[in-house]
Amino acid sequence: MPHEHIKLNFINRSNDVINPSVIIFQKNVATNLQELSIAWQVIKNCGHNDNHPFVFPMNFSISANDAYGNSTPQISTDSGDVLEMFTGNSGDVLQRTNAQASDPNEVDVLNNLTQGSIGVGCYKDGKLLAKAPNIAPSQKAVFEFHPKIYIGVVSQIDEGDVIDRAILANIDTELDLTSVISADIVMTGGGIGKNATPFQFTLEHVEHIA
């Protein structure tokens, strides 16, 4: 990657009067994984004309948990990496292998335990981004994320929460961050009564890779 992270700045220029939360998340595009969509960023109490800066890392880290409730440290990954969960001398261990993922854009996480399913969590900037539960022995979780984020307004949700299908169905704003170094995410719309309009999110003051 030519750059490690994108600097983003959320700005509330809406006519909002009910102070909803703004949710930001990504979608795992790996086709063979039924993962859970997670509220990666939740911006709360951001008043009119207020801003909320945050960082969007290009890569992500992986942690796994076993059937005993133990969680591993997070391991930073690059596209094409393969990680494995196995039983070491001191217990279950997650480590990077020398293998390459079948797809160079994906990260594979193998459950090489002899028994017991594992859960796999994907993190960006230390915050949970996606989760793959119940990966059985000899099976794997596969993660791939395009440089896109999804953003919308919700009433009640916290960072790290699983996004239910009803919320997902109502969020259709996709922001493409391909080649972006920094940008403002500007929210407009809102209001009450007959003058209310849908919330909209646009990128402004976009700086691209030279």
N, C-alpha and C. Protein backbone atom coordinates (compact mmCIF):
# COMPACT_ATOMS: atom_id res chain seq x y z
N MET A 1 0.84 -1.19 0.00
CA MET A 1 0.00 0.00 0.00
C MET A 1 0.89 1.26 0.00
N PRO A 2 0.52 2.28 -0.78
CA PRO A 2 1.33 3.49 -0.80
C PRO A 2 1.17 4.32 0.45
N HIS A 3 0.13 4.11 1.23
CA HIS A 3 -0.06 4.84 2.48
C HIS A 3 -0.71 3.92 3.48
N GLU A 4 -0.48 4.19 4.77
CA GLU A 4 -0.92 3.28 5.82
C GLU A 4 -2.31 3.57 6.34
N HIS A 5 -2.73 4.83 6.27
CA HIS A 5 -4.05 5.17 6.78
C HIS A 5 -4.60 6.41 6.08
N ILE A 6 -5.91 6.61 6.25
CA ILE A 6 -6.59 7.76 5.69
C ILE A 6 -7.10 8.62 6.85
N LYS A 7 -6.88 9.92 6.76
CA LYS A 7 -7.37 10.84 7.77
C LYS A 7 -8.75 11.33 7.35
N LEU A 8 -9.74 11.05 8.18
CA LEU A 8 -11.11 11.44 7.90
C LEU A 8 -11.63 12.37 8.99
N ASN A 9 -12.53 13.25 8.60
CA ASN A 9 -13.08 14.22 9.54
C ASN A 9 -14.58 14.35 9.29
N PHE A 10 -15.37 13.82 10.20
CA PHE A 10 -16.83 13.93 10.09
C PHE A 10 -17.27 15.32 10.52
N ILE A 11 -18.13 15.95 9.71
CA ILE A 11 -18.66 17.29 10.02
C ILE A 11 -20.18 17.23 9.95
N ASN A 12 -20.85 17.71 10.98
CA ASN A 12 -22.31 17.73 11.02
C ASN A 12 -22.83 19.08 10.55
N ARG A 13 -23.30 19.11 9.31
CA ARG A 13 -23.94 20.33 8.79
C ARG A 13 -25.43 20.06 8.53
N SER A 14 -25.98 19.13 9.25
CA SER A 14 -27.38 18.76 9.05
C SER A 14 -28.30 19.71 9.81
N ASN A 15 -29.60 19.52 9.56
CA ASN A 15 -30.63 20.25 10.31
C ASN A 15 -31.18 19.41 11.45
N ASP A 16 -30.36 18.48 11.90
CA ASP A 16 -30.77 17.52 12.91
C ASP A 16 -31.18 18.20 14.21
N VAL A 17 -32.28 17.72 14.79
CA VAL A 17 -32.71 18.24 16.10
C VAL A 17 -32.93 17.10 17.10
N ILE A 18 -32.74 15.85 16.64
CA ILE A 18 -32.99 14.71 17.54
C ILE A 18 -31.69 14.03 17.98
N ASN A 19 -30.56 14.54 17.52
CA ASN A 19 -29.24 14.07 17.95
C ASN A 19 -29.06 12.56 17.80
N PRO A 20 -29.23 12.03 16.58
CA PRO A 20 -29.01 10.59 16.39
C PRO A 20 -27.52 10.26 16.36
N SER A 21 -27.22 8.98 16.40
CA SER A 21 -25.84 8.54 16.26
C SER A 21 -25.55 8.23 14.79
N VAL A 22 -24.30 8.43 14.42
CA VAL A 22 -23.85 8.12 13.06
C VAL A 22 -22.97 6.88 13.12
N ILE A 23 -23.32 5.88 12.33
CA ILE A 23 -22.62 4.60 12.34
C ILE A 23 -21.77 4.47 11.08
N ILE A 24 -20.56 3.93 11.24
CA ILE A 24 -19.65 3.69 10.13
C ILE A 24 -19.17 2.25 10.22
N PHE A 25 -19.21 1.53 9.09
CA PHE A 25 -18.77 0.13 9.10
C PHE A 25 -18.30 -0.26 7.71
N GLN A 26 -17.72 -1.44 7.61
CA GLN A 26 -17.31 -2.02 6.33
C GLN A 26 -18.00 -3.36 6.14
N LYS A 27 -17.92 -3.86 4.93
CA LYS A 27 -18.49 -5.17 4.61
C LYS A 27 -17.38 -6.09 4.13
N ASN A 28 -17.37 -7.30 4.68
CA ASN A 28 -16.42 -8.32 4.25
C ASN A 28 -16.89 -8.86 2.90
N VAL A 29 -16.06 -8.71 1.87
CA VAL A 29 -16.47 -9.12 0.53
C VAL A 29 -16.02 -10.54 0.20
N ALA A 30 -15.37 -11.23 1.14
CA ALA A 30 -15.02 -12.63 0.92
C ALA A 30 -16.31 -13.43 0.80
N THR A 31 -16.43 -14.20 -0.28
CA THR A 31 -17.72 -14.81 -0.61
C THR A 31 -18.06 -16.03 0.23
N ASN A 32 -17.06 -16.66 0.85
CA ASN A 32 -17.35 -17.91 1.55
C ASN A 32 -17.43 -17.73 3.06
N LEU A 33 -17.71 -16.51 3.51
CA LEU A 33 -17.77 -16.25 4.95
C LEU A 33 -19.05 -15.51 5.30
N GLN A 34 -19.84 -16.09 6.19
CA GLN A 34 -21.04 -15.44 6.68
C GLN A 34 -20.71 -14.73 7.99
N GLU A 35 -19.99 -13.62 7.89
CA GLU A 35 -19.54 -12.93 9.09
C GLU A 35 -20.61 -11.96 9.59
N LEU A 36 -20.41 -11.44 10.78
CA LEU A 36 -21.34 -10.48 11.36
C LEU A 36 -20.83 -9.07 11.08
N SER A 37 -21.72 -8.20 10.59
CA SER A 37 -21.36 -6.80 10.38
C SER A 37 -21.36 -6.10 11.74
N ILE A 38 -20.33 -5.31 11.96
CA ILE A 38 -20.10 -4.70 13.27
C ILE A 38 -20.06 -3.18 13.14
N ALA A 39 -20.60 -2.49 14.14
CA ALA A 39 -20.50 -1.03 14.20
C ALA A 39 -19.07 -0.65 14.56
N TRP A 40 -18.28 -0.29 13.54
CA TRP A 40 -16.86 0.01 13.78
C TRP A 40 -16.69 1.37 14.46
N GLN A 41 -17.29 2.39 13.91
CA GLN A 41 -17.28 3.71 14.52
C GLN A 41 -18.72 4.14 14.78
N VAL A 42 -18.97 4.71 15.94
CA VAL A 42 -20.26 5.32 16.24
C VAL A 42 -19.99 6.72 16.78
N ILE A 43 -20.47 7.72 16.04
CA ILE A 43 -20.25 9.12 16.42
C ILE A 43 -21.51 9.62 17.12
N LYS A 44 -21.34 10.03 18.36
CA LYS A 44 -22.49 10.47 19.17
C LYS A 44 -22.31 11.92 19.62
N ASN A 45 -23.45 12.59 19.81
CA ASN A 45 -23.47 13.94 20.40
C ASN A 45 -22.62 14.95 19.63
N CYS A 46 -22.55 14.78 18.31
CA CYS A 46 -21.79 15.71 17.48
C CYS A 46 -22.75 16.79 17.00
N GLY A 47 -22.70 17.96 17.61
CA GLY A 47 -23.66 19.01 17.35
C GLY A 47 -23.50 19.68 16.00
N HIS A 48 -24.43 20.56 15.69
CA HIS A 48 -24.41 21.27 14.40
C HIS A 48 -23.10 22.03 14.23
N ASN A 49 -22.45 21.79 13.10
CA ASN A 49 -21.15 22.39 12.74
C ASN A 49 -19.98 21.84 13.56
N ASP A 50 -20.23 20.88 14.44
CA ASP A 50 -19.13 20.21 15.14
C ASP A 50 -18.47 19.21 14.20
N ASN A 51 -17.26 18.81 14.54
CA ASN A 51 -16.55 17.81 13.73
C ASN A 51 -15.98 16.72 14.62
N HIS A 52 -15.70 15.59 14.00
CA HIS A 52 -15.19 14.42 14.72
C HIS A 52 -14.12 13.75 13.84
N PRO A 53 -12.83 14.01 14.10
CA PRO A 53 -11.77 13.39 13.29
C PRO A 53 -11.49 11.96 13.72
N PHE A 54 -11.14 11.11 12.76
CA PHE A 54 -10.72 9.75 13.08
C PHE A 54 -9.83 9.23 11.96
N VAL A 55 -9.18 8.12 12.22
CA VAL A 55 -8.22 7.53 11.29
C VAL A 55 -8.79 6.22 10.76
N PHE A 56 -8.63 6.02 9.45
CA PHE A 56 -9.07 4.78 8.80
C PHE A 56 -7.82 4.04 8.31
N PRO A 57 -7.33 3.04 9.06
CA PRO A 57 -6.15 2.28 8.62
C PRO A 57 -6.47 1.46 7.37
N MET A 58 -5.49 1.30 6.50
CA MET A 58 -5.69 0.49 5.31
C MET A 58 -5.67 -1.00 5.63
N ASN A 59 -4.85 -1.41 6.59
CA ASN A 59 -4.76 -2.82 6.96
C ASN A 59 -5.54 -3.07 8.26
N PHE A 60 -5.58 -4.33 8.67
CA PHE A 60 -6.31 -4.66 9.88
C PHE A 60 -5.55 -5.72 10.66
N SER A 61 -5.96 -5.95 11.90
CA SER A 61 -5.35 -6.97 12.74
C SER A 61 -6.39 -8.02 13.09
N ILE A 62 -5.89 -9.18 13.53
CA ILE A 62 -6.75 -10.33 13.80
C ILE A 62 -6.50 -10.84 15.22
N SER A 63 -7.59 -11.19 15.90
CA SER A 63 -7.53 -11.89 17.18
C SER A 63 -8.51 -13.06 17.11
N ALA A 64 -8.22 -14.11 17.86
CA ALA A 64 -9.11 -15.27 17.88
C ALA A 64 -9.40 -15.66 19.33
N ASN A 65 -10.55 -16.28 19.53
CA ASN A 65 -10.88 -16.81 20.85
C ASN A 65 -11.28 -18.27 20.72
N ASP A 66 -10.95 -19.05 21.76
CA ASP A 66 -11.21 -20.49 21.70
C ASP A 66 -12.42 -20.85 22.54
N ALA A 67 -12.71 -22.15 22.60
CA ALA A 67 -13.90 -22.63 23.30
C ALA A 67 -13.82 -22.43 24.80
N TYR A 68 -12.63 -22.14 25.33
CA TYR A 68 -12.45 -21.92 26.76
C TYR A 68 -12.64 -20.46 27.14
N GLY A 69 -12.92 -19.60 26.14
CA GLY A 69 -13.10 -18.18 26.42
C GLY A 69 -11.82 -17.38 26.42
N ASN A 70 -10.72 -17.99 25.97
CA ASN A 70 -9.45 -17.29 25.90
C ASN A 70 -9.33 -16.53 24.59
N SER A 71 -8.78 -15.32 24.64
CA SER A 71 -8.57 -14.50 23.45
C SER A 71 -7.09 -14.26 23.23
N THR A 72 -6.67 -14.30 21.98
CA THR A 72 -5.27 -14.09 21.65
C THR A 72 -4.97 -12.60 21.48
N PRO A 73 -3.69 -12.22 21.57
CA PRO A 73 -3.33 -10.85 21.18
C PRO A 73 -3.65 -10.62 19.71
N GLN A 74 -3.83 -9.35 19.34
CA GLN A 74 -4.07 -9.01 17.95
C GLN A 74 -2.77 -9.10 17.14
N ILE A 75 -2.89 -9.63 15.93
CA ILE A 75 -1.75 -9.75 15.03
C ILE A 75 -2.04 -8.90 13.80
N SER A 76 -1.14 -7.96 13.48
CA SER A 76 -1.29 -7.13 12.29
C SER A 76 -1.15 -7.99 11.04
N THR A 77 -1.94 -7.67 10.02
CA THR A 77 -1.94 -8.48 8.80
C THR A 77 -1.73 -7.61 7.57
N ASP A 78 -1.29 -8.27 6.51
CA ASP A 78 -1.24 -7.69 5.18
C ASP A 78 -2.03 -8.59 4.25
N SER A 79 -2.46 -8.06 3.12
CA SER A 79 -3.18 -8.87 2.15
C SER A 79 -2.35 -10.09 1.76
N GLY A 80 -3.01 -11.24 1.71
CA GLY A 80 -2.32 -12.48 1.35
C GLY A 80 -1.83 -13.28 2.53
N ASP A 81 -1.91 -12.73 3.74
CA ASP A 81 -1.43 -13.44 4.94
C ASP A 81 -2.33 -14.63 5.27
N VAL A 82 -1.71 -15.63 5.89
CA VAL A 82 -2.44 -16.77 6.44
C VAL A 82 -2.05 -16.91 7.91
N LEU A 83 -3.03 -16.91 8.79
CA LEU A 83 -2.81 -17.12 10.22
C LEU A 83 -3.43 -18.46 10.60
N GLU A 84 -2.91 -19.06 11.67
CA GLU A 84 -3.47 -20.32 12.14
C GLU A 84 -3.60 -20.33 13.64
N MET A 85 -4.65 -20.97 14.11
CA MET A 85 -4.85 -21.23 15.54
C MET A 85 -4.51 -22.69 15.78
N PHE A 86 -3.56 -22.94 16.70
CA PHE A 86 -3.14 -24.30 16.98
C PHE A 86 -2.87 -24.44 18.46
N THR A 87 -2.71 -25.68 18.91
CA THR A 87 -2.44 -25.95 20.32
C THR A 87 -0.94 -26.06 20.53
N GLY A 88 -0.38 -25.08 21.27
CA GLY A 88 1.03 -25.10 21.61
C GLY A 88 1.27 -25.72 22.97
N ASN A 89 2.50 -25.64 23.44
CA ASN A 89 2.85 -26.24 24.73
C ASN A 89 2.11 -25.58 25.89
N SER A 90 1.78 -24.29 25.74
CA SER A 90 1.15 -23.56 26.84
C SER A 90 -0.33 -23.30 26.60
N GLY A 91 -0.88 -23.86 25.53
CA GLY A 91 -2.29 -23.63 25.24
C GLY A 91 -2.50 -23.23 23.79
N ASP A 92 -3.67 -22.76 23.49
CA ASP A 92 -4.01 -22.39 22.11
C ASP A 92 -3.31 -21.09 21.72
N VAL A 93 -2.76 -21.09 20.51
CA VAL A 93 -1.92 -19.97 20.03
C VAL A 93 -2.37 -19.57 18.63
N LEU A 94 -2.38 -18.26 18.37
CA LEU A 94 -2.60 -17.74 17.02
C LEU A 94 -1.29 -17.19 16.49
N GLN A 95 -0.89 -17.62 15.29
CA GLN A 95 0.36 -17.12 14.73
C GLN A 95 0.25 -17.01 13.21
N ARG A 96 1.11 -16.15 12.66
CA ARG A 96 1.21 -16.02 11.21
C ARG A 96 2.01 -17.19 10.65
N THR A 97 1.62 -17.68 9.49
CA THR A 97 2.35 -18.77 8.84
C THR A 97 3.14 -18.23 7.65
N ASN A 98 3.92 -19.10 7.03
CA ASN A 98 4.67 -18.72 5.83
C ASN A 98 3.86 -18.93 4.55
N ALA A 99 2.64 -19.44 4.70
CA ALA A 99 1.81 -19.71 3.52
C ALA A 99 1.23 -18.40 2.97
N GLN A 100 0.73 -18.49 1.76
CA GLN A 100 0.06 -17.37 1.11
C GLN A 100 -1.41 -17.74 0.89
N ALA A 101 -2.29 -16.78 1.13
CA ALA A 101 -3.71 -17.02 0.90
C ALA A 101 -3.96 -17.35 -0.57
N SER A 102 -5.00 -18.13 -0.82
CA SER A 102 -5.32 -18.50 -2.20
C SER A 102 -5.65 -17.29 -3.05
N ASP A 103 -6.20 -16.25 -2.42
CA ASP A 103 -6.46 -14.97 -3.08
C ASP A 103 -5.54 -13.94 -2.45
N PRO A 104 -4.67 -13.26 -3.22
CA PRO A 104 -3.71 -12.32 -2.64
C PRO A 104 -4.34 -11.11 -1.98
N ASN A 105 -5.63 -10.89 -2.19
CA ASN A 105 -6.32 -9.76 -1.57
C ASN A 105 -6.97 -10.13 -0.24
N GLU A 106 -6.92 -11.40 0.12
CA GLU A 106 -7.61 -11.87 1.32
C GLU A 106 -6.63 -12.18 2.44
N VAL A 107 -7.17 -12.30 3.63
CA VAL A 107 -6.45 -12.82 4.80
C VAL A 107 -7.21 -14.04 5.29
N ASP A 108 -6.51 -15.17 5.39
CA ASP A 108 -7.11 -16.42 5.85
C ASP A 108 -6.73 -16.68 7.30
N VAL A 109 -7.69 -17.17 8.08
CA VAL A 109 -7.43 -17.57 9.47
C VAL A 109 -7.90 -19.01 9.62
N LEU A 110 -6.96 -19.93 9.81
CA LEU A 110 -7.25 -21.36 9.86
C LEU A 110 -7.44 -21.82 11.30
N ASN A 111 -8.42 -22.68 11.50
CA ASN A 111 -8.57 -23.34 12.79
C ASN A 111 -7.89 -24.70 12.69
N ASN A 112 -6.66 -24.77 13.19
CA ASN A 112 -5.89 -26.02 13.17
C ASN A 112 -5.89 -26.71 14.54
N LEU A 113 -6.87 -26.38 15.38
CA LEU A 113 -7.04 -27.12 16.62
C LEU A 113 -7.61 -28.51 16.32
N THR A 114 -7.30 -29.48 17.17
CA THR A 114 -7.85 -30.81 16.96
C THR A 114 -9.32 -30.88 17.35
N GLN A 115 -9.74 -29.99 18.25
CA GLN A 115 -11.15 -29.94 18.63
C GLN A 115 -11.49 -28.54 19.12
N GLY A 116 -12.75 -28.19 18.95
CA GLY A 116 -13.23 -26.90 19.44
C GLY A 116 -13.25 -25.83 18.36
N SER A 117 -14.39 -25.19 18.21
CA SER A 117 -14.51 -24.07 17.27
C SER A 117 -13.85 -22.82 17.83
N ILE A 118 -13.53 -21.90 16.95
CA ILE A 118 -12.95 -20.63 17.36
C ILE A 118 -13.79 -19.49 16.79
N GLY A 119 -13.68 -18.33 17.40
CA GLY A 119 -14.24 -17.11 16.85
C GLY A 119 -13.09 -16.21 16.43
N VAL A 120 -13.27 -15.51 15.33
CA VAL A 120 -12.21 -14.65 14.80
C VAL A 120 -12.73 -13.22 14.71
N GLY A 121 -11.96 -12.30 15.27
CA GLY A 121 -12.32 -10.88 15.21
C GLY A 121 -11.32 -10.11 14.38
N CYS A 122 -11.83 -9.18 13.58
CA CYS A 122 -11.02 -8.33 12.73
C CYS A 122 -11.10 -6.91 13.28
N TYR A 123 -9.94 -6.24 13.43
CA TYR A 123 -9.89 -4.94 14.09
C TYR A 123 -9.20 -3.90 13.20
N LYS A 124 -9.72 -2.67 13.25
CA LYS A 124 -9.07 -1.51 12.65
C LYS A 124 -8.96 -0.41 13.69
N ASP A 125 -7.77 0.13 13.82
CA ASP A 125 -7.52 1.18 14.81
C ASP A 125 -7.93 0.72 16.21
N GLY A 126 -7.75 -0.58 16.47
CA GLY A 126 -8.05 -1.15 17.77
C GLY A 126 -9.51 -1.41 18.03
N LYS A 127 -10.38 -1.13 17.04
CA LYS A 127 -11.82 -1.31 17.21
C LYS A 127 -12.31 -2.46 16.35
N LEU A 128 -13.26 -3.23 16.90
CA LEU A 128 -13.79 -4.39 16.19
C LEU A 128 -14.48 -3.96 14.90
N LEU A 129 -14.08 -4.59 13.79
CA LEU A 129 -14.60 -4.27 12.47
C LEU A 129 -15.52 -5.36 11.92
N ALA A 130 -15.17 -6.61 12.17
CA ALA A 130 -15.96 -7.74 11.68
C ALA A 130 -15.69 -8.94 12.58
N LYS A 131 -16.62 -9.88 12.56
CA LYS A 131 -16.49 -11.05 13.44
C LYS A 131 -16.96 -12.29 12.68
N ALA A 132 -16.18 -13.36 12.79
CA ALA A 132 -16.56 -14.64 12.19
C ALA A 132 -16.64 -15.67 13.32
N PRO A 133 -17.84 -16.04 13.75
CA PRO A 133 -17.98 -16.98 14.87
C PRO A 133 -17.98 -18.42 14.39
N ASN A 134 -17.70 -19.31 15.32
CA ASN A 134 -17.91 -20.75 15.12
C ASN A 134 -17.19 -21.32 13.90
N ILE A 135 -15.89 -21.06 13.84
CA ILE A 135 -15.06 -21.66 12.79
C ILE A 135 -14.59 -23.02 13.30
N ALA A 136 -15.07 -24.08 12.69
CA ALA A 136 -14.79 -25.44 13.16
C ALA A 136 -13.36 -25.86 12.82
N PRO A 137 -12.83 -26.90 13.50
CA PRO A 137 -11.50 -27.41 13.15
C PRO A 137 -11.41 -27.76 11.66
N SER A 138 -10.26 -27.41 11.07
CA SER A 138 -9.95 -27.62 9.65
C SER A 138 -10.69 -26.65 8.74
N GLN A 139 -11.47 -25.72 9.32
CA GLN A 139 -12.13 -24.70 8.52
C GLN A 139 -11.38 -23.37 8.68
N LYS A 140 -11.78 -22.37 7.90
CA LYS A 140 -11.09 -21.10 7.97
C LYS A 140 -12.07 -19.94 7.84
N ALA A 141 -11.68 -18.80 8.40
CA ALA A 141 -12.35 -17.53 8.18
C ALA A 141 -11.55 -16.77 7.13
N VAL A 142 -12.25 -16.07 6.26
CA VAL A 142 -11.59 -15.32 5.19
C VAL A 142 -12.09 -13.89 5.23
N PHE A 143 -11.15 -12.94 5.19
CA PHE A 143 -11.49 -11.53 5.26
C PHE A 143 -10.91 -10.78 4.07
N GLU A 144 -11.75 -9.95 3.47
CA GLU A 144 -11.30 -9.00 2.46
C GLU A 144 -12.22 -7.79 2.50
N PHE A 145 -11.61 -6.61 2.53
CA PHE A 145 -12.38 -5.37 2.57
C PHE A 145 -11.93 -4.44 1.47
N HIS A 146 -12.86 -3.97 0.68
CA HIS A 146 -12.54 -2.94 -0.30
C HIS A 146 -12.38 -1.60 0.43
N PRO A 147 -11.68 -0.65 -0.17
CA PRO A 147 -11.49 0.66 0.48
C PRO A 147 -12.77 1.49 0.42
N LYS A 148 -13.82 0.98 1.05
CA LYS A 148 -15.11 1.65 1.07
C LYS A 148 -15.67 1.57 2.48
N ILE A 149 -16.41 2.61 2.86
CA ILE A 149 -17.10 2.58 4.14
C ILE A 149 -18.59 2.83 3.89
N TYR A 150 -19.39 2.33 4.81
CA TYR A 150 -20.83 2.54 4.78
C TYR A 150 -21.19 3.39 5.99
N ILE A 151 -22.08 4.36 5.78
CA ILE A 151 -22.37 5.32 6.84
C ILE A 151 -23.85 5.64 6.84
N GLY A 152 -24.41 5.83 8.03
CA GLY A 152 -25.82 6.15 8.14
C GLY A 152 -26.16 6.60 9.54
N VAL A 153 -27.41 6.96 9.74
CA VAL A 153 -27.91 7.47 11.01
C VAL A 153 -28.73 6.38 11.69
N VAL A 154 -28.47 6.17 12.98
CA VAL A 154 -29.21 5.18 13.76
C VAL A 154 -29.63 5.82 15.08
N SER A 155 -30.59 5.19 15.75
CA SER A 155 -31.08 5.76 17.00
C SER A 155 -30.25 5.31 18.19
N GLN A 156 -30.01 4.00 18.30
CA GLN A 156 -29.27 3.48 19.44
C GLN A 156 -28.37 2.34 19.01
N ILE A 157 -27.07 2.54 19.13
CA ILE A 157 -26.09 1.47 18.87
C ILE A 157 -24.76 1.92 19.44
N ASP A 158 -23.95 0.97 19.84
CA ASP A 158 -22.62 1.26 20.39
C ASP A 158 -21.55 0.62 19.53
N GLU A 159 -20.35 1.16 19.59
CA GLU A 159 -19.23 0.56 18.87
C GLU A 159 -19.02 -0.88 19.31
N GLY A 160 -18.80 -1.76 18.34
CA GLY A 160 -18.61 -3.16 18.63
C GLY A 160 -19.88 -3.98 18.61
N ASP A 161 -21.04 -3.31 18.52
CA ASP A 161 -22.31 -4.04 18.45
C ASP A 161 -22.49 -4.68 17.09
N VAL A 162 -23.15 -5.82 17.06
CA VAL A 162 -23.57 -6.43 15.80
C VAL A 162 -24.70 -5.59 15.22
N ILE A 163 -24.62 -5.30 13.93
CA ILE A 163 -25.64 -4.51 13.26
C ILE A 163 -26.74 -5.46 12.77
N ASP A 164 -27.96 -5.24 13.21
CA ASP A 164 -29.02 -6.14 12.79
C ASP A 164 -29.47 -5.83 11.36
N ARG A 165 -30.21 -6.75 10.80
CA ARG A 165 -30.57 -6.66 9.38
C ARG A 165 -31.46 -5.46 9.09
N ALA A 166 -32.29 -5.07 10.03
CA ALA A 166 -33.16 -3.92 9.81
C ALA A 166 -32.35 -2.65 9.63
N ILE A 167 -31.30 -2.48 10.45
CA ILE A 167 -30.44 -1.31 10.31
C ILE A 167 -29.66 -1.37 9.01
N LEU A 168 -29.11 -2.55 8.70
CA LEU A 168 -28.36 -2.70 7.45
C LEU A 168 -29.21 -2.35 6.24
N ALA A 169 -30.46 -2.74 6.27
CA ALA A 169 -31.34 -2.50 5.12
C ALA A 169 -31.60 -1.02 4.90
N ASN A 170 -31.45 -0.21 5.96
CA ASN A 170 -31.73 1.22 5.85
C ASN A 170 -30.50 2.08 5.59
N ILE A 171 -29.34 1.44 5.53
CA ILE A 171 -28.10 2.20 5.29
C ILE A 171 -27.60 1.86 3.90
N ASP A 172 -27.67 2.83 3.00
CA ASP A 172 -27.27 2.57 1.62
C ASP A 172 -26.22 3.55 1.11
N THR A 173 -25.66 4.38 2.00
CA THR A 173 -24.63 5.32 1.57
C THR A 173 -23.26 4.65 1.63
N GLU A 174 -22.62 4.56 0.48
CA GLU A 174 -21.29 3.97 0.36
C GLU A 174 -20.31 5.06 -0.08
N LEU A 175 -19.22 5.21 0.65
CA LEU A 175 -18.20 6.20 0.32
C LEU A 175 -16.93 5.47 -0.11
N ASP A 176 -16.51 5.73 -1.34
CA ASP A 176 -15.33 5.07 -1.91
C ASP A 176 -14.08 5.86 -1.53
N LEU A 177 -13.15 5.20 -0.82
CA LEU A 177 -11.93 5.85 -0.35
C LEU A 177 -10.71 5.45 -1.18
N THR A 178 -10.92 4.88 -2.35
CA THR A 178 -9.82 4.49 -3.21
C THR A 178 -8.93 5.68 -3.52
N SER A 179 -7.66 5.56 -3.26
CA SER A 179 -6.60 6.56 -3.53
C SER A 179 -6.73 7.82 -2.67
N VAL A 180 -7.63 7.82 -1.68
CA VAL A 180 -7.82 8.99 -0.82
C VAL A 180 -6.78 8.99 0.30
N ILE A 181 -6.23 10.16 0.59
CA ILE A 181 -5.31 10.33 1.72
C ILE A 181 -6.03 10.97 2.90
N SER A 182 -6.87 11.96 2.61
CA SER A 182 -7.64 12.62 3.65
C SER A 182 -8.90 13.21 3.03
N ALA A 183 -9.94 13.38 3.84
CA ALA A 183 -11.20 13.95 3.36
C ALA A 183 -12.09 14.29 4.53
N ASP A 184 -13.02 15.24 4.28
CA ASP A 184 -14.10 15.50 5.21
C ASP A 184 -15.32 14.67 4.79
N ILE A 185 -16.03 14.13 5.78
CA ILE A 185 -17.31 13.47 5.53
C ILE A 185 -18.39 14.41 6.07
N VAL A 186 -19.16 15.03 5.18
CA VAL A 186 -20.11 16.06 5.57
C VAL A 186 -21.52 15.50 5.56
N MET A 187 -22.21 15.62 6.69
CA MET A 187 -23.60 15.19 6.81
C MET A 187 -24.53 16.38 6.66
N THR A 188 -25.50 16.28 5.75
CA THR A 188 -26.51 17.31 5.56
C THR A 188 -27.90 16.65 5.65
N GLY A 189 -28.92 17.48 5.51
CA GLY A 189 -30.29 16.96 5.58
C GLY A 189 -30.82 16.96 6.99
N GLY A 190 -31.87 16.18 7.23
CA GLY A 190 -32.47 16.10 8.54
C GLY A 190 -33.56 17.15 8.72
N GLY A 191 -33.84 17.48 9.97
CA GLY A 191 -34.90 18.42 10.28
C GLY A 191 -36.18 17.70 10.71
N ILE A 192 -37.24 18.49 10.96
CA ILE A 192 -38.50 17.92 11.38
C ILE A 192 -39.63 18.50 10.54
N GLY A 193 -40.75 17.79 10.55
CA GLY A 193 -41.92 18.29 9.84
C GLY A 193 -41.80 18.20 8.34
N LYS A 194 -42.58 19.03 7.65
CA LYS A 194 -42.64 18.97 6.19
C LYS A 194 -41.36 19.43 5.51
N ASN A 195 -40.51 20.14 6.24
CA ASN A 195 -39.26 20.61 5.67
C ASN A 195 -38.11 19.62 5.86
N ALA A 196 -38.38 18.50 6.52
CA ALA A 196 -37.32 17.51 6.76
C ALA A 196 -36.91 16.84 5.45
N THR A 197 -35.63 16.54 5.33
CA THR A 197 -35.10 15.83 4.17
C THR A 197 -34.22 14.67 4.66
N PRO A 198 -34.01 13.67 3.82
CA PRO A 198 -33.15 12.56 4.25
C PRO A 198 -31.73 13.03 4.54
N PHE A 199 -31.08 12.34 5.47
CA PHE A 199 -29.68 12.63 5.74
C PHE A 199 -28.85 12.21 4.52
N GLN A 200 -27.85 13.02 4.20
CA GLN A 200 -26.92 12.71 3.11
C GLN A 200 -25.49 12.87 3.60
N PHE A 201 -24.60 12.05 3.04
CA PHE A 201 -23.19 12.07 3.40
C PHE A 201 -22.35 12.21 2.13
N THR A 202 -21.48 13.20 2.10
CA THR A 202 -20.63 13.42 0.93
C THR A 202 -19.19 13.66 1.37
N LEU A 203 -18.27 13.33 0.48
CA LEU A 203 -16.85 13.62 0.71
C LEU A 203 -16.51 15.00 0.17
N GLU A 204 -15.84 15.80 0.99
CA GLU A 204 -15.39 17.12 0.57
C GLU A 204 -13.93 17.30 0.95
N HIS A 205 -13.27 18.29 0.29
CA HIS A 205 -11.87 18.58 0.55
C HIS A 205 -11.02 17.30 0.49
N VAL A 206 -11.22 16.54 -0.58
CA VAL A 206 -10.57 15.25 -0.73
C VAL A 206 -9.15 15.43 -1.26
N GLU A 207 -8.20 14.83 -0.57
CA GLU A 207 -6.80 14.81 -1.03
C GLU A 207 -6.49 13.39 -1.50
N HIS A 208 -6.02 13.28 -2.73
CA HIS A 208 -5.72 11.99 -3.32
C HIS A 208 -4.22 11.73 -3.35
N ILE A 209 -3.87 10.48 -3.54
CA ILE A 209 -2.46 10.12 -3.72
C ILE A 209 -1.96 10.79 -5.00
N ALA A 210 -0.81 11.39 -4.92
CA ALA A 210 -0.27 12.09 -6.09
C ALA A 210 0.10 11.09 -7.18
